């Protein structure tokens, strides 16, 4: 899986030893499990698409934050389950890629990382749309 730190436009926002630092965070500190939901790195996990997932080791369903939950008996839950391979990534709690302090670097699964970064992604999306509109108004008249 390619991380955005590998993209040429983001390369200079990360320290040169980011791959090693990321590995220490994901497999040393977090012991190979997401700090948000508890999903294990590299495993295929059955999930329902809403955050609920089956923890094979404890033989129970968990919610999106890793807490054990009860599912009413007789529910055809496995009939709607999907499988996804869990990949951990080191994230920045404060979204500042230059802040690599230990307390600022959690190990998150894809789902938890996207939830954590969602406000920033939305902010960037709206900024991009605003810039396109502004450039359109500047060079082409009213933006259509």
N, C-alpha and C. Protein backbone atom coordinates (compact mmCIF):
# COMPACT_ATOMS: atom_id res chain seq x y z
N UNK A 1 0.84 -1.18 0.00
CA UNK A 1 0.00 0.00 0.00
C UNK A 1 0.89 1.24 0.00
N UNK A 2 0.56 2.19 -0.84
CA UNK A 2 1.36 3.40 -0.95
C UNK A 2 0.83 4.45 0.01
N UNK A 3 1.70 5.03 0.79
CA UNK A 3 1.35 6.06 1.75
C UNK A 3 1.52 7.42 1.10
N UNK A 4 0.73 8.42 1.55
CA UNK A 4 0.86 9.73 0.92
C UNK A 4 2.23 10.36 1.18
N UNK A 5 3.00 9.86 2.16
CA UNK A 5 4.36 10.36 2.37
C UNK A 5 5.27 9.97 1.21
N UNK A 6 4.85 8.96 0.43
CA UNK A 6 5.64 8.52 -0.73
C UNK A 6 5.38 9.38 -1.96
N UNK A 7 4.34 10.18 -1.95
CA UNK A 7 4.03 11.01 -3.11
C UNK A 7 5.05 12.15 -3.19
N UNK A 8 5.53 12.44 -4.39
CA UNK A 8 6.55 13.47 -4.54
C UNK A 8 6.17 14.82 -3.92
N UNK A 9 4.90 15.21 -4.04
CA UNK A 9 4.50 16.52 -3.51
C UNK A 9 4.46 16.57 -1.98
N UNK A 10 4.46 15.41 -1.33
CA UNK A 10 4.42 15.36 0.14
C UNK A 10 5.75 14.94 0.76
N UNK A 11 6.70 14.55 -0.06
CA UNK A 11 7.95 13.98 0.42
C UNK A 11 8.66 14.85 1.46
N UNK A 12 8.65 16.15 1.27
CA UNK A 12 9.42 17.04 2.15
C UNK A 12 8.70 17.39 3.44
N UNK A 13 7.47 16.91 3.60
CA UNK A 13 6.73 17.15 4.84
C UNK A 13 7.02 16.10 5.90
N UNK A 14 7.73 15.03 5.52
CA UNK A 14 8.01 13.93 6.44
C UNK A 14 9.52 13.82 6.66
N UNK A 15 9.93 13.34 7.85
CA UNK A 15 11.37 13.16 8.07
C UNK A 15 11.92 12.04 7.19
N UNK A 16 13.20 12.09 6.95
CA UNK A 16 13.84 11.12 6.05
C UNK A 16 13.70 9.68 6.57
N UNK A 17 13.59 9.52 7.89
CA UNK A 17 13.47 8.19 8.48
C UNK A 17 12.00 7.81 8.76
N UNK A 18 11.05 8.41 8.04
CA UNK A 18 9.64 8.14 8.29
C UNK A 18 9.29 6.65 8.20
N UNK A 19 9.76 5.90 7.21
CA UNK A 19 9.40 4.47 7.17
C UNK A 19 9.80 3.73 8.44
N UNK A 20 10.98 4.02 8.98
CA UNK A 20 11.42 3.36 10.20
C UNK A 20 10.61 3.83 11.41
N UNK A 21 10.37 5.14 11.49
CA UNK A 21 9.58 5.69 12.60
C UNK A 21 8.16 5.12 12.57
N UNK A 22 7.57 5.04 11.39
CA UNK A 22 6.23 4.49 11.24
C UNK A 22 6.18 3.03 11.70
N UNK A 23 7.20 2.26 11.35
CA UNK A 23 7.24 0.85 11.76
C UNK A 23 7.33 0.73 13.28
N UNK A 24 8.10 1.57 13.92
CA UNK A 24 8.21 1.55 15.39
C UNK A 24 6.86 1.86 16.02
N UNK A 25 6.17 2.85 15.47
CA UNK A 25 4.85 3.23 15.99
C UNK A 25 3.86 2.09 15.83
N UNK A 26 3.76 1.54 14.61
CA UNK A 26 2.75 0.53 14.31
C UNK A 26 3.00 -0.81 14.99
N UNK A 27 4.27 -1.24 15.01
CA UNK A 27 4.55 -2.59 15.50
C UNK A 27 5.23 -2.63 16.86
N UNK A 28 5.86 -1.53 17.25
CA UNK A 28 6.47 -1.46 18.58
C UNK A 28 5.47 -0.96 19.59
N UNK A 29 5.14 0.31 19.48
CA UNK A 29 4.23 0.93 20.45
C UNK A 29 2.83 0.35 20.40
N UNK A 30 2.25 0.22 19.20
CA UNK A 30 0.86 -0.24 19.09
C UNK A 30 0.75 -1.76 19.01
N UNK A 31 1.86 -2.45 18.93
CA UNK A 31 1.90 -3.92 18.90
C UNK A 31 1.06 -4.51 17.76
N UNK A 32 1.02 -3.80 16.62
CA UNK A 32 0.34 -4.34 15.44
C UNK A 32 -1.16 -4.23 15.44
N UNK A 33 -1.73 -3.43 16.34
CA UNK A 33 -3.19 -3.26 16.38
C UNK A 33 -3.55 -1.78 16.34
N UNK A 34 -4.66 -1.47 15.70
CA UNK A 34 -5.13 -0.09 15.61
C UNK A 34 -5.43 0.45 17.00
N UNK A 35 -4.97 1.66 17.25
CA UNK A 35 -5.21 2.30 18.55
C UNK A 35 -6.62 2.87 18.64
N UNK A 36 -7.34 2.91 17.53
CA UNK A 36 -8.71 3.41 17.54
C UNK A 36 -9.72 2.30 17.73
N UNK A 37 -9.59 1.22 16.94
CA UNK A 37 -10.61 0.16 16.94
C UNK A 37 -10.08 -1.20 17.37
N UNK A 38 -8.77 -1.36 17.43
CA UNK A 38 -8.19 -2.63 17.86
C UNK A 38 -7.98 -3.65 16.76
N UNK A 39 -8.31 -3.32 15.52
CA UNK A 39 -8.15 -4.29 14.43
C UNK A 39 -6.66 -4.61 14.23
N UNK A 40 -6.35 -5.89 13.99
CA UNK A 40 -4.96 -6.31 13.83
C UNK A 40 -4.43 -6.09 12.41
N UNK A 41 -3.22 -5.59 12.31
CA UNK A 41 -2.57 -5.32 11.03
C UNK A 41 -2.40 -6.60 10.21
N UNK A 42 -2.65 -6.50 8.91
CA UNK A 42 -2.39 -7.59 7.99
C UNK A 42 -3.43 -8.68 7.93
N UNK A 43 -4.41 -8.65 8.81
CA UNK A 43 -5.42 -9.70 8.84
C UNK A 43 -6.63 -9.34 8.01
N UNK A 44 -7.28 -10.36 7.46
CA UNK A 44 -8.57 -10.19 6.82
C UNK A 44 -9.61 -10.16 7.93
N UNK A 45 -10.42 -9.12 7.97
CA UNK A 45 -11.40 -8.94 9.03
C UNK A 45 -12.80 -8.89 8.42
N UNK A 46 -13.72 -9.64 9.01
CA UNK A 46 -15.12 -9.53 8.61
C UNK A 46 -15.70 -8.31 9.30
N UNK A 47 -16.41 -7.49 8.51
CA UNK A 47 -17.01 -6.28 9.08
C UNK A 47 -18.33 -6.01 8.40
N UNK A 48 -19.11 -5.12 8.98
CA UNK A 48 -20.44 -4.82 8.46
C UNK A 48 -20.50 -3.51 7.70
N UNK A 49 -19.38 -2.82 7.54
CA UNK A 49 -19.35 -1.57 6.80
C UNK A 49 -19.72 -0.36 7.64
N UNK A 50 -20.20 -0.59 8.85
CA UNK A 50 -20.58 0.52 9.73
C UNK A 50 -19.65 0.63 10.94
N UNK A 51 -18.53 -0.08 10.88
CA UNK A 51 -17.57 -0.07 11.99
C UNK A 51 -17.57 -1.36 12.79
N UNK A 52 -18.67 -2.09 12.81
CA UNK A 52 -18.72 -3.35 13.55
C UNK A 52 -17.87 -4.39 12.84
N UNK A 53 -17.08 -5.13 13.62
CA UNK A 53 -16.19 -6.14 13.03
C UNK A 53 -16.07 -7.35 13.95
N UNK A 54 -15.75 -8.49 13.34
CA UNK A 54 -15.62 -9.75 14.07
C UNK A 54 -14.18 -9.93 14.50
N UNK A 55 -13.97 -10.06 15.82
CA UNK A 55 -12.65 -10.29 16.39
C UNK A 55 -12.48 -11.80 16.54
N UNK A 56 -11.68 -12.39 15.65
CA UNK A 56 -11.50 -13.83 15.63
C UNK A 56 -10.88 -14.33 16.94
N UNK A 57 -9.90 -13.61 17.45
CA UNK A 57 -9.19 -14.07 18.66
C UNK A 57 -10.09 -14.14 19.88
N UNK A 58 -10.95 -13.15 20.07
CA UNK A 58 -11.84 -13.19 21.24
C UNK A 58 -13.21 -13.79 20.91
N UNK A 59 -13.41 -14.12 19.62
CA UNK A 59 -14.66 -14.72 19.15
C UNK A 59 -15.87 -13.89 19.53
N UNK A 60 -15.80 -12.57 19.20
CA UNK A 60 -16.94 -11.69 19.47
C UNK A 60 -16.94 -10.51 18.52
N UNK A 61 -18.11 -9.91 18.37
CA UNK A 61 -18.25 -8.70 17.56
C UNK A 61 -17.77 -7.51 18.37
N UNK A 62 -17.18 -6.55 17.69
CA UNK A 62 -16.73 -5.31 18.32
C UNK A 62 -17.33 -4.13 17.56
N UNK A 63 -17.48 -3.01 18.25
CA UNK A 63 -17.97 -1.82 17.58
C UNK A 63 -16.79 -1.10 16.93
N UNK A 64 -17.05 0.05 16.33
CA UNK A 64 -16.02 0.78 15.62
C UNK A 64 -14.89 1.30 16.49
N UNK A 65 -15.03 1.21 17.80
CA UNK A 65 -13.96 1.68 18.70
C UNK A 65 -13.36 0.53 19.49
N UNK A 66 -13.66 -0.71 19.07
CA UNK A 66 -13.02 -1.88 19.66
C UNK A 66 -13.72 -2.45 20.88
N UNK A 67 -14.84 -1.86 21.29
CA UNK A 67 -15.55 -2.38 22.46
C UNK A 67 -16.39 -3.58 22.05
N UNK A 68 -16.37 -4.61 22.89
CA UNK A 68 -17.18 -5.80 22.62
C UNK A 68 -18.66 -5.46 22.66
N UNK A 69 -19.42 -6.05 21.74
CA UNK A 69 -20.86 -5.81 21.70
C UNK A 69 -21.59 -7.13 21.58
N UNK A 70 -22.86 -7.10 21.88
CA UNK A 70 -23.71 -8.28 21.73
C UNK A 70 -24.59 -8.08 20.49
N UNK A 71 -24.73 -9.15 19.74
CA UNK A 71 -25.61 -9.16 18.58
C UNK A 71 -26.76 -10.09 18.92
N UNK A 72 -27.97 -9.66 18.67
CA UNK A 72 -29.11 -10.52 19.03
C UNK A 72 -29.02 -11.85 18.29
N UNK A 73 -29.34 -12.89 18.97
CA UNK A 73 -29.25 -14.22 18.38
C UNK A 73 -30.26 -14.35 17.24
N UNK A 74 -29.89 -15.13 16.26
CA UNK A 74 -30.75 -15.34 15.12
C UNK A 74 -30.55 -14.31 14.02
N UNK A 75 -29.78 -13.25 14.28
CA UNK A 75 -29.54 -12.24 13.25
C UNK A 75 -28.60 -12.81 12.20
N UNK A 76 -28.96 -12.65 10.93
CA UNK A 76 -28.11 -13.14 9.84
C UNK A 76 -27.01 -12.11 9.56
N UNK A 77 -26.15 -11.96 10.53
CA UNK A 77 -25.14 -10.91 10.43
C UNK A 77 -24.01 -11.29 9.47
N UNK A 78 -23.64 -12.56 9.43
CA UNK A 78 -22.57 -12.97 8.53
C UNK A 78 -23.01 -12.90 7.07
N UNK A 79 -24.31 -12.92 6.84
CA UNK A 79 -24.81 -12.80 5.48
C UNK A 79 -24.53 -11.44 4.86
N UNK A 80 -24.40 -10.41 5.69
CA UNK A 80 -24.11 -9.08 5.14
C UNK A 80 -22.68 -8.63 5.41
N UNK A 81 -21.89 -9.49 6.00
CA UNK A 81 -20.50 -9.13 6.31
C UNK A 81 -19.63 -9.11 5.06
N UNK A 82 -18.67 -8.20 5.08
CA UNK A 82 -17.65 -8.10 4.02
C UNK A 82 -16.30 -8.35 4.65
N UNK A 83 -15.32 -8.62 3.82
CA UNK A 83 -13.97 -8.86 4.33
C UNK A 83 -13.02 -7.78 3.80
N UNK A 84 -12.16 -7.31 4.69
CA UNK A 84 -11.17 -6.30 4.32
C UNK A 84 -9.86 -6.61 5.02
N UNK A 85 -8.77 -6.43 4.30
CA UNK A 85 -7.46 -6.58 4.92
C UNK A 85 -7.12 -5.29 5.65
N UNK A 86 -6.72 -5.41 6.91
CA UNK A 86 -6.39 -4.25 7.74
C UNK A 86 -4.94 -3.86 7.51
N UNK A 87 -4.73 -2.59 7.23
CA UNK A 87 -3.38 -2.04 7.08
C UNK A 87 -3.25 -0.87 8.05
N UNK A 88 -2.28 -0.95 8.93
CA UNK A 88 -2.05 0.14 9.87
C UNK A 88 -1.19 1.22 9.24
N UNK A 89 -1.44 2.45 9.65
CA UNK A 89 -0.62 3.58 9.23
C UNK A 89 -0.37 4.45 10.45
N UNK A 90 0.77 5.10 10.49
CA UNK A 90 1.04 6.07 11.54
C UNK A 90 0.38 7.37 11.12
N UNK A 91 -0.40 7.95 12.01
CA UNK A 91 -1.12 9.19 11.72
C UNK A 91 -0.55 10.31 12.57
N UNK A 92 -0.98 11.53 12.30
CA UNK A 92 -0.60 12.69 13.11
C UNK A 92 -1.88 13.21 13.77
N UNK A 93 -1.96 13.12 15.09
CA UNK A 93 -3.17 13.56 15.80
C UNK A 93 -3.52 15.01 15.47
N UNK A 94 -2.51 15.88 15.42
CA UNK A 94 -2.76 17.30 15.17
C UNK A 94 -2.67 17.67 13.69
N UNK A 95 -2.53 16.66 12.81
CA UNK A 95 -2.46 16.84 11.35
C UNK A 95 -1.23 17.61 10.90
N UNK A 96 -0.27 17.84 11.80
CA UNK A 96 0.96 18.56 11.47
C UNK A 96 2.05 17.52 11.23
N UNK A 97 2.42 17.31 9.95
CA UNK A 97 3.39 16.27 9.62
C UNK A 97 4.79 16.57 10.11
N UNK A 98 5.02 17.79 10.60
CA UNK A 98 6.35 18.09 11.15
C UNK A 98 6.41 17.76 12.65
N UNK A 99 5.26 17.49 13.28
CA UNK A 99 5.22 17.17 14.71
C UNK A 99 5.25 15.65 14.87
N UNK A 100 6.45 15.12 15.07
CA UNK A 100 6.62 13.68 15.19
C UNK A 100 6.90 13.23 16.61
N UNK A 101 6.34 13.97 17.56
CA UNK A 101 6.44 13.59 18.97
C UNK A 101 5.65 12.29 19.19
N UNK A 102 6.12 11.47 20.09
CA UNK A 102 5.49 10.17 20.33
C UNK A 102 4.00 10.29 20.63
N UNK A 103 3.60 11.26 21.43
CA UNK A 103 2.19 11.42 21.79
C UNK A 103 1.33 11.86 20.61
N UNK A 104 1.95 12.33 19.53
CA UNK A 104 1.21 12.82 18.37
C UNK A 104 1.08 11.77 17.27
N UNK A 105 1.61 10.57 17.48
CA UNK A 105 1.67 9.57 16.42
C UNK A 105 0.95 8.28 16.79
N UNK A 106 -0.37 8.20 16.59
CA UNK A 106 -1.07 6.93 16.82
C UNK A 106 -0.97 6.02 15.61
N UNK A 107 -1.16 4.74 15.82
CA UNK A 107 -1.26 3.76 14.73
C UNK A 107 -2.75 3.55 14.48
N UNK A 108 -3.20 3.85 13.25
CA UNK A 108 -4.62 3.74 12.92
C UNK A 108 -4.82 2.80 11.74
N UNK A 109 -5.96 2.08 11.77
CA UNK A 109 -6.40 1.31 10.60
C UNK A 109 -6.86 2.31 9.53
N UNK A 110 -7.12 1.81 8.31
CA UNK A 110 -7.59 2.69 7.25
C UNK A 110 -8.86 3.43 7.68
N UNK A 111 -9.80 2.72 8.29
CA UNK A 111 -11.07 3.32 8.70
C UNK A 111 -10.85 4.41 9.73
N UNK A 112 -10.10 4.12 10.77
CA UNK A 112 -9.87 5.10 11.83
C UNK A 112 -9.08 6.30 11.32
N UNK A 113 -8.13 6.05 10.42
CA UNK A 113 -7.34 7.14 9.85
C UNK A 113 -8.23 8.08 9.04
N UNK A 114 -9.12 7.51 8.23
CA UNK A 114 -10.02 8.35 7.43
C UNK A 114 -10.99 9.13 8.31
N UNK A 115 -11.51 8.51 9.35
CA UNK A 115 -12.41 9.22 10.28
C UNK A 115 -11.66 10.36 10.95
N UNK A 116 -10.45 10.10 11.40
CA UNK A 116 -9.65 11.13 12.05
C UNK A 116 -9.36 12.30 11.12
N UNK A 117 -9.03 12.01 9.86
CA UNK A 117 -8.64 13.05 8.90
C UNK A 117 -9.82 13.69 8.16
N UNK A 118 -11.04 13.19 8.37
CA UNK A 118 -12.20 13.67 7.62
C UNK A 118 -12.38 15.19 7.66
N UNK A 119 -12.31 15.86 8.82
CA UNK A 119 -12.49 17.32 8.81
C UNK A 119 -11.45 18.03 7.94
N UNK A 120 -10.21 17.57 7.96
CA UNK A 120 -9.17 18.19 7.14
C UNK A 120 -9.43 17.92 5.65
N UNK A 121 -9.85 16.71 5.32
CA UNK A 121 -10.17 16.40 3.92
C UNK A 121 -11.32 17.28 3.42
N UNK A 122 -12.33 17.48 4.27
CA UNK A 122 -13.45 18.34 3.87
C UNK A 122 -13.00 19.78 3.69
N UNK A 123 -12.14 20.26 4.59
CA UNK A 123 -11.62 21.62 4.48
C UNK A 123 -10.85 21.80 3.17
N UNK A 124 -10.00 20.84 2.84
CA UNK A 124 -9.23 20.93 1.60
C UNK A 124 -10.14 20.85 0.37
N UNK A 125 -11.17 20.02 0.44
CA UNK A 125 -12.11 19.90 -0.67
C UNK A 125 -12.78 21.25 -0.94
N UNK A 126 -13.29 21.89 0.13
CA UNK A 126 -13.97 23.17 -0.05
C UNK A 126 -13.01 24.25 -0.52
N UNK A 127 -11.76 24.21 -0.04
CA UNK A 127 -10.77 25.19 -0.49
C UNK A 127 -10.49 25.00 -1.99
N UNK A 128 -10.38 23.76 -2.44
CA UNK A 128 -10.15 23.48 -3.86
C UNK A 128 -11.31 23.99 -4.70
N UNK A 129 -12.54 23.72 -4.27
CA UNK A 129 -13.70 24.21 -5.01
C UNK A 129 -13.73 25.73 -5.06
N UNK A 130 -13.41 26.37 -3.93
CA UNK A 130 -13.38 27.84 -3.89
C UNK A 130 -12.32 28.39 -4.84
N UNK A 131 -11.14 27.76 -4.86
CA UNK A 131 -10.08 28.21 -5.76
C UNK A 131 -10.48 28.06 -7.22
N UNK A 132 -11.10 26.95 -7.56
CA UNK A 132 -11.56 26.75 -8.94
C UNK A 132 -12.56 27.82 -9.34
N UNK A 133 -13.48 28.12 -8.43
CA UNK A 133 -14.48 29.15 -8.72
C UNK A 133 -13.80 30.49 -8.89
N UNK A 134 -12.85 30.81 -8.02
CA UNK A 134 -12.15 32.10 -8.10
C UNK A 134 -11.36 32.21 -9.40
N UNK A 135 -10.66 31.16 -9.79
CA UNK A 135 -9.91 31.19 -11.05
C UNK A 135 -10.85 31.31 -12.24
N UNK A 136 -11.98 30.60 -12.17
CA UNK A 136 -12.96 30.69 -13.24
C UNK A 136 -13.49 32.10 -13.38
N UNK A 137 -13.83 32.74 -12.26
CA UNK A 137 -14.32 34.12 -12.27
C UNK A 137 -13.25 35.07 -12.79
N UNK A 138 -12.01 34.84 -12.41
CA UNK A 138 -10.92 35.73 -12.79
C UNK A 138 -10.61 35.65 -14.28
N UNK A 139 -10.59 34.44 -14.81
CA UNK A 139 -10.14 34.27 -16.20
C UNK A 139 -11.27 34.03 -17.21
N UNK A 140 -12.39 33.52 -16.75
CA UNK A 140 -13.45 33.14 -17.69
C UNK A 140 -14.78 33.84 -17.42
N UNK A 141 -14.82 34.76 -16.51
CA UNK A 141 -16.08 35.37 -16.15
C UNK A 141 -16.77 34.50 -15.12
N UNK A 142 -18.09 34.61 -14.98
CA UNK A 142 -18.82 33.81 -13.97
C UNK A 142 -18.54 32.31 -14.14
N UNK A 143 -18.29 31.67 -13.05
CA UNK A 143 -17.99 30.23 -13.02
C UNK A 143 -19.27 29.45 -13.26
N UNK A 144 -19.21 28.55 -14.19
CA UNK A 144 -20.37 27.72 -14.50
C UNK A 144 -20.04 26.28 -14.26
